[in-house]
Protein backbone atom coordinates (compact mmCIF):
# COMPACT_ATOMS: atom_id res chain seq x y z
CA MET A 1 -48.37 19.65 23.22
CA VAL A 2 -49.02 15.96 23.86
CA HIS A 3 -45.89 14.02 22.95
CA GLY A 4 -46.07 10.35 21.99
CA HIS A 5 -47.80 8.03 24.43
CA GLY A 6 -45.97 9.30 27.50
CA GLU A 7 -43.38 6.53 27.67
CA VAL A 8 -40.01 7.05 29.34
CA GLY A 9 -38.21 10.08 27.92
CA VAL A 10 -41.32 11.28 26.10
CA ALA A 11 -43.02 14.07 28.04
CA ASN A 12 -45.62 16.73 27.30
CA ALA A 13 -45.02 20.46 27.06
CA SER A 14 -47.44 23.38 27.09
CA PHE A 15 -47.57 27.00 26.04
CA ILE A 16 -50.07 29.61 27.18
CA VAL A 17 -50.72 32.59 24.93
CA GLU A 18 -52.07 35.96 25.94
CA GLY A 19 -51.97 38.65 23.30
CA LYS A 20 -48.61 38.59 21.60
CA HIS A 21 -46.78 36.90 24.46
CA ALA A 22 -46.58 33.30 25.67
CA MET A 23 -45.18 31.23 28.51
CA VAL A 24 -43.79 27.77 27.82
CA ILE A 25 -44.14 25.08 30.47
CA ASP A 26 -41.50 22.35 30.15
CA THR A 27 -39.34 21.74 27.10
CA MET A 28 -39.16 17.94 26.71
CA THR A 29 -35.95 15.92 26.37
CA PHE A 30 -34.18 17.51 23.40
CA PRO A 31 -34.45 20.91 21.70
CA GLU A 32 -35.64 19.33 18.47
CA MET A 33 -38.66 17.93 20.31
CA ALA A 34 -39.73 21.47 21.22
CA THR A 35 -39.37 22.98 17.76
CA GLY A 36 -43.09 22.51 17.20
CA ILE A 37 -43.70 25.09 19.90
CA VAL A 38 -41.39 27.55 18.18
CA ARG A 39 -43.11 27.00 14.84
CA GLU A 40 -46.54 27.50 16.36
CA MET A 41 -45.43 30.70 18.07
CA ALA A 42 -44.08 32.01 14.76
CA HIS A 43 -47.35 31.08 13.03
CA ARG A 44 -49.31 33.03 15.64
CA GLY A 45 -46.92 35.97 15.59
CA THR A 46 -46.36 35.39 19.29
CA HIS A 47 -43.19 35.83 21.32
CA VAL A 48 -42.17 33.49 24.14
CA ASN A 49 -41.20 35.65 27.09
CA ALA A 50 -40.74 33.01 29.80
CA VAL A 51 -40.16 29.28 30.31
CA LEU A 52 -41.15 27.37 33.42
CA ASN A 53 -39.66 23.97 34.27
CA THR A 54 -42.03 22.03 36.54
CA HIS A 55 -39.21 19.89 37.94
CA HIS A 56 -35.62 18.85 37.27
CA HIS A 57 -35.97 15.68 35.17
CA ILE A 58 -34.27 15.75 31.80
CA ASP A 59 -37.45 15.02 29.83
CA HIS A 60 -38.81 18.37 31.05
CA VAL A 61 -35.69 20.55 30.82
CA GLY A 62 -33.64 19.09 27.96
CA GLY A 63 -35.07 21.47 25.37
CA ASN A 64 -34.34 24.61 27.40
CA SER A 65 -31.54 25.73 25.09
CA LEU A 66 -34.11 26.42 22.39
CA PHE A 67 -35.35 29.28 24.57
CA ALA A 68 -31.99 30.45 25.94
CA ASP A 69 -32.76 34.09 25.07
CA VAL A 70 -35.68 34.34 27.51
CA PRO A 71 -35.88 33.80 31.29
CA ILE A 72 -36.06 30.11 32.22
CA VAL A 73 -37.17 29.54 35.80
CA ALA A 74 -37.85 26.66 38.18
CA HIS A 75 -38.33 26.10 41.88
CA PRO A 76 -35.06 26.54 43.84
CA ALA A 77 -35.17 22.89 44.94
CA SER A 78 -35.41 21.79 41.31
CA VAL A 79 -32.51 24.03 40.31
CA GLN A 80 -30.41 22.59 43.13
CA ALA A 81 -31.31 19.02 42.15
CA LEU A 82 -30.40 19.70 38.53
CA GLN A 83 -27.10 21.29 39.49
CA GLN A 84 -26.22 18.28 41.63
CA LEU A 85 -27.29 15.81 38.96
CA GLY A 86 -25.62 17.46 36.00
CA LEU A 87 -25.94 15.60 32.72
CA PRO A 88 -25.08 11.92 33.38
CA SER A 89 -25.13 10.69 29.80
CA ALA A 90 -24.35 7.07 30.61
CA ARG A 91 -27.22 6.89 33.09
CA TYR A 92 -29.63 8.43 30.59
CA ASP A 93 -28.45 6.03 27.88
CA HIS A 94 -29.30 3.18 30.26
CA LEU A 95 -32.71 4.57 31.23
CA MET A 96 -33.67 5.69 27.71
CA PRO A 97 -31.90 3.37 25.27
CA GLN A 98 -34.00 4.68 22.38
CA PHE A 99 -31.99 7.92 22.68
CA ARG A 100 -28.62 6.29 23.29
CA GLY A 101 -25.73 8.54 22.26
CA ARG A 102 -27.81 11.69 21.89
CA PHE A 103 -27.19 12.90 25.44
CA ASP A 104 -23.45 13.19 24.76
CA THR A 105 -24.02 16.31 22.66
CA LEU A 106 -26.96 17.79 24.59
CA VAL A 107 -26.32 21.31 25.84
CA LEU A 108 -28.35 21.97 28.96
CA SER A 109 -29.55 25.50 29.73
CA MET A 110 -30.00 25.73 33.49
CA PRO A 111 -33.12 27.38 34.86
CA GLU A 112 -32.85 30.10 37.47
CA PRO A 113 -34.58 29.96 40.87
CA ARG A 114 -36.63 33.10 40.25
CA LEU A 115 -40.23 31.99 40.56
CA ASP A 116 -41.09 35.27 42.27
CA GLN A 117 -40.44 37.09 38.99
CA LEU A 118 -42.77 34.86 36.97
CA VAL A 119 -46.24 36.20 36.13
CA PRO A 120 -48.17 33.50 34.24
CA PRO A 121 -50.55 34.71 31.54
CA ARG A 122 -54.33 34.39 31.76
CA GLY A 123 -54.37 34.60 35.54
CA GLY A 124 -52.39 31.41 36.01
CA VAL A 125 -51.24 30.47 39.49
CA VAL A 126 -48.07 28.44 40.10
CA GLN A 127 -48.43 25.94 42.94
CA ALA A 128 -45.51 24.08 44.52
CA PHE A 129 -45.67 20.63 46.12
CA PRO A 130 -42.76 19.21 48.15
CA ALA A 131 -41.57 15.61 48.04
CA ALA A 132 -44.07 14.22 45.54
CA HIS A 133 -42.67 13.07 42.19
CA THR A 134 -39.42 14.89 42.93
CA PRO A 135 -38.12 17.08 45.80
CA THR A 136 -40.44 19.84 44.56
CA ASP A 137 -42.95 19.77 41.71
CA LEU A 138 -44.83 22.67 40.18
CA ALA A 139 -48.30 22.79 38.67
CA VAL A 140 -49.99 25.76 37.02
CA TRP A 141 -53.68 26.35 37.67
CA PHE A 142 -55.90 28.56 35.53
CA PRO A 143 -59.01 29.15 37.66
CA THR A 144 -61.07 30.98 35.03
CA SER A 145 -60.86 28.17 32.49
CA ARG A 146 -60.40 25.46 35.17
CA VAL A 147 -57.39 24.10 33.30
CA LEU A 148 -54.63 22.44 35.29
CA ILE A 149 -51.17 21.92 33.83
CA ALA A 150 -50.00 19.29 36.28
CA GLY A 151 -46.50 18.44 35.11
CA ASP A 152 -45.44 15.04 36.41
CA LEU A 153 -47.80 15.25 39.35
CA CYS A 154 -50.17 13.53 36.92
CA PHE A 155 -49.58 10.58 34.60
CA ILE A 156 -52.50 9.33 32.49
CA GLY A 157 -52.33 5.84 31.02
CA VAL A 158 -48.70 5.59 32.11
CA THR A 159 -47.42 4.13 35.38
CA PRO A 160 -45.99 7.01 37.44
CA LEU A 161 -42.47 7.00 38.84
CA ALA A 162 -41.79 7.94 42.46
CA VAL A 163 -38.06 7.32 42.45
CA ASN A 164 -37.17 10.82 43.72
CA GLY A 165 -40.12 11.62 45.99
CA LEU A 166 -42.52 10.22 48.55
CA ILE A 167 -45.70 8.26 48.01
CA SER A 168 -47.36 10.16 50.87
CA GLY A 169 -46.24 13.49 49.40
CA TRP A 170 -47.61 12.58 46.00
CA ILE A 171 -50.97 11.59 47.51
CA ALA A 172 -51.10 14.92 49.36
CA ALA A 173 -50.34 16.79 46.13
CA ILE A 174 -53.05 14.94 44.24
CA ASP A 175 -55.54 15.69 47.01
CA ALA A 176 -54.77 19.39 46.64
CA LEU A 177 -55.14 19.23 42.86
CA ILE A 178 -58.44 17.34 43.08
CA ALA A 179 -59.73 20.04 45.43
CA LEU A 180 -59.32 22.56 42.61
CA GLN A 181 -61.98 20.66 40.64
CA PRO A 182 -60.23 21.02 37.27
CA ALA A 183 -62.23 20.47 34.12
CA VAL A 184 -59.11 19.79 32.05
CA VAL A 185 -55.88 18.20 33.27
CA VAL A 186 -52.71 18.30 31.17
CA PRO A 187 -50.42 15.56 32.54
CA GLY A 188 -46.68 15.36 32.28
CA HIS A 189 -47.08 12.05 30.45
CA GLY A 190 -50.05 10.70 28.54
CA PRO A 191 -53.15 12.21 26.94
CA ILE A 192 -55.11 15.20 28.21
CA GLY A 193 -57.68 14.20 30.82
CA THR A 194 -59.96 15.44 33.56
CA GLY A 195 -60.14 15.56 37.33
CA GLU A 196 -61.33 11.97 37.27
CA ASP A 197 -57.90 10.90 36.10
CA LEU A 198 -56.40 12.46 39.22
CA GLY A 199 -58.72 10.29 41.27
CA VAL A 200 -57.57 7.18 39.44
CA LEU A 201 -53.94 8.08 40.09
CA ARG A 202 -54.72 8.69 43.77
CA ASP A 203 -56.27 5.21 44.01
CA TYR A 204 -53.11 3.74 42.53
CA PHE A 205 -50.86 5.41 45.08
CA LEU A 206 -53.15 4.50 47.97
CA ALA A 207 -52.86 0.86 46.88
CA ILE A 208 -49.07 1.15 46.61
CA GLN A 209 -48.88 2.79 50.04
CA ARG A 210 -51.14 0.20 51.66
CA VAL A 211 -49.16 -2.76 50.33
CA GLY A 212 -45.83 -1.09 51.11
CA ARG A 213 -46.77 -0.54 54.74
CA ALA A 214 -48.05 -4.08 55.07
CA ALA A 215 -44.84 -5.46 53.56
CA VAL A 216 -42.69 -3.62 56.09
CA ALA A 217 -44.92 -4.70 58.97
CA GLN A 218 -44.69 -8.33 57.82
CA ASN A 219 -40.99 -8.16 56.86
CA LEU A 220 -41.72 -9.15 53.26
CA SER A 221 -39.39 -8.73 50.32
CA SER A 222 -40.37 -6.26 47.64
CA GLN A 223 -41.01 -9.11 45.20
CA ASP A 224 -43.33 -10.82 47.68
CA ALA A 225 -45.05 -7.50 48.28
CA LEU A 226 -45.47 -6.99 44.53
CA ALA A 227 -47.40 -10.25 44.38
CA LEU A 228 -49.90 -8.74 46.82
CA LEU A 229 -50.55 -5.67 44.67
CA ASP A 230 -53.77 -5.87 42.67
CA THR A 231 -52.70 -4.37 39.34
CA ARG A 232 -55.90 -5.15 37.46
CA PRO A 233 -57.26 -1.57 37.66
CA PHE A 234 -54.03 -0.33 36.04
CA ALA A 235 -53.32 -3.24 33.71
CA GLY A 236 -53.40 -1.13 30.56
CA TRP A 237 -50.86 1.43 31.72
CA LEU A 238 -47.48 1.74 30.03
CA GLU A 239 -44.23 1.17 31.97
CA SER A 240 -45.75 -1.37 34.37
CA GLU A 241 -42.26 -2.34 35.58
CA ARG A 242 -42.39 0.84 37.66
CA ASN A 243 -44.85 -0.85 40.04
CA LEU A 244 -41.89 -2.51 41.75
CA ILE A 245 -39.97 0.77 42.02
CA ASN A 246 -42.97 2.59 43.46
CA LEU A 247 -43.60 -0.22 45.90
CA GLU A 248 -39.97 -0.15 47.02
CA ARG A 249 -40.32 3.59 47.55
CA ALA A 250 -43.40 3.04 49.71
CA MET A 251 -41.51 0.44 51.73
CA GLN A 252 -38.55 2.79 52.20
CA GLU A 253 -40.90 5.46 53.49
CA ALA A 254 -42.74 3.04 55.79
CA ALA A 255 -39.41 1.87 57.20
CA GLY A 256 -38.26 5.44 57.85
CA GLU A 257 -35.39 5.22 55.37
CA ILE A 258 -36.59 8.31 53.48
CA HIS A 259 -38.55 11.37 54.50
CA GLN A 260 -39.20 14.88 53.25
CA MET A 261 -35.83 16.17 54.41
CA ASN A 262 -33.85 13.21 53.05
CA LEU A 263 -34.95 11.64 49.77
CA SER A 264 -31.50 10.50 48.66
CA ALA A 265 -31.78 6.71 49.15
CA MET A 266 -32.69 5.14 45.82
CA PRO A 267 -35.09 2.19 45.49
CA PRO A 268 -33.02 -1.02 45.53
CA SER A 269 -34.02 -2.17 42.04
CA THR A 270 -32.77 1.10 40.49
CA ARG A 271 -29.30 1.02 42.02
CA GLN A 272 -26.58 0.44 39.47
CA PRO A 273 -23.88 -2.10 40.40
């Protein structure tokens, strides 16, 4: 279910049907956004028997309450991150002003860390990647159809956001996904694409990583480093202001301020006064 253009707060969700049962992958920001899934399941006479959250961000878990009567699962690291984060309405109002005020009444259904009990339909395989977009991100690979549901490990036509992970970890995750040779890639944000789109995203992160390392070596500010980044290949992407955030994240990693076991330091431009 491709949702909007993939802008902030507007994420995709998927459902996989086998017989009379289905698994939902991600539930978007609010329950009402996911009602289309419920309607389609009713139309097909299909019952949702499991929900998988690919990571802890609100635009992928906010609609969980719509499926509160079935098991909702996520990676243990994502569950822990969500428990620590809670539901900071004021922060979400700041990040997603188009939804201002709606987070005050959002009821969040927490996923459980029971991935071992999840059996995806159609031979799907859940793959986990540490320290990429977030502390741990999940993707679901369907080898028979060569369909990859990538969650936020893939953005298409939208600038990605590495505020909670590592640039190096995200590159490693993309390398692993490219190696699968998917024919169809369902991103967390943006339109459905192919394996070529993963390659484009990898090129973006390699450029961010290269400039970030050079900036640290030359003791440059993030703004000076941003001026060195050639954004022409990505000029049409939404949310281009994230280039600075991603570059700051690369600089933090190059300087040793963050690593896989400690991702807590936020990029300077995202810190609230």
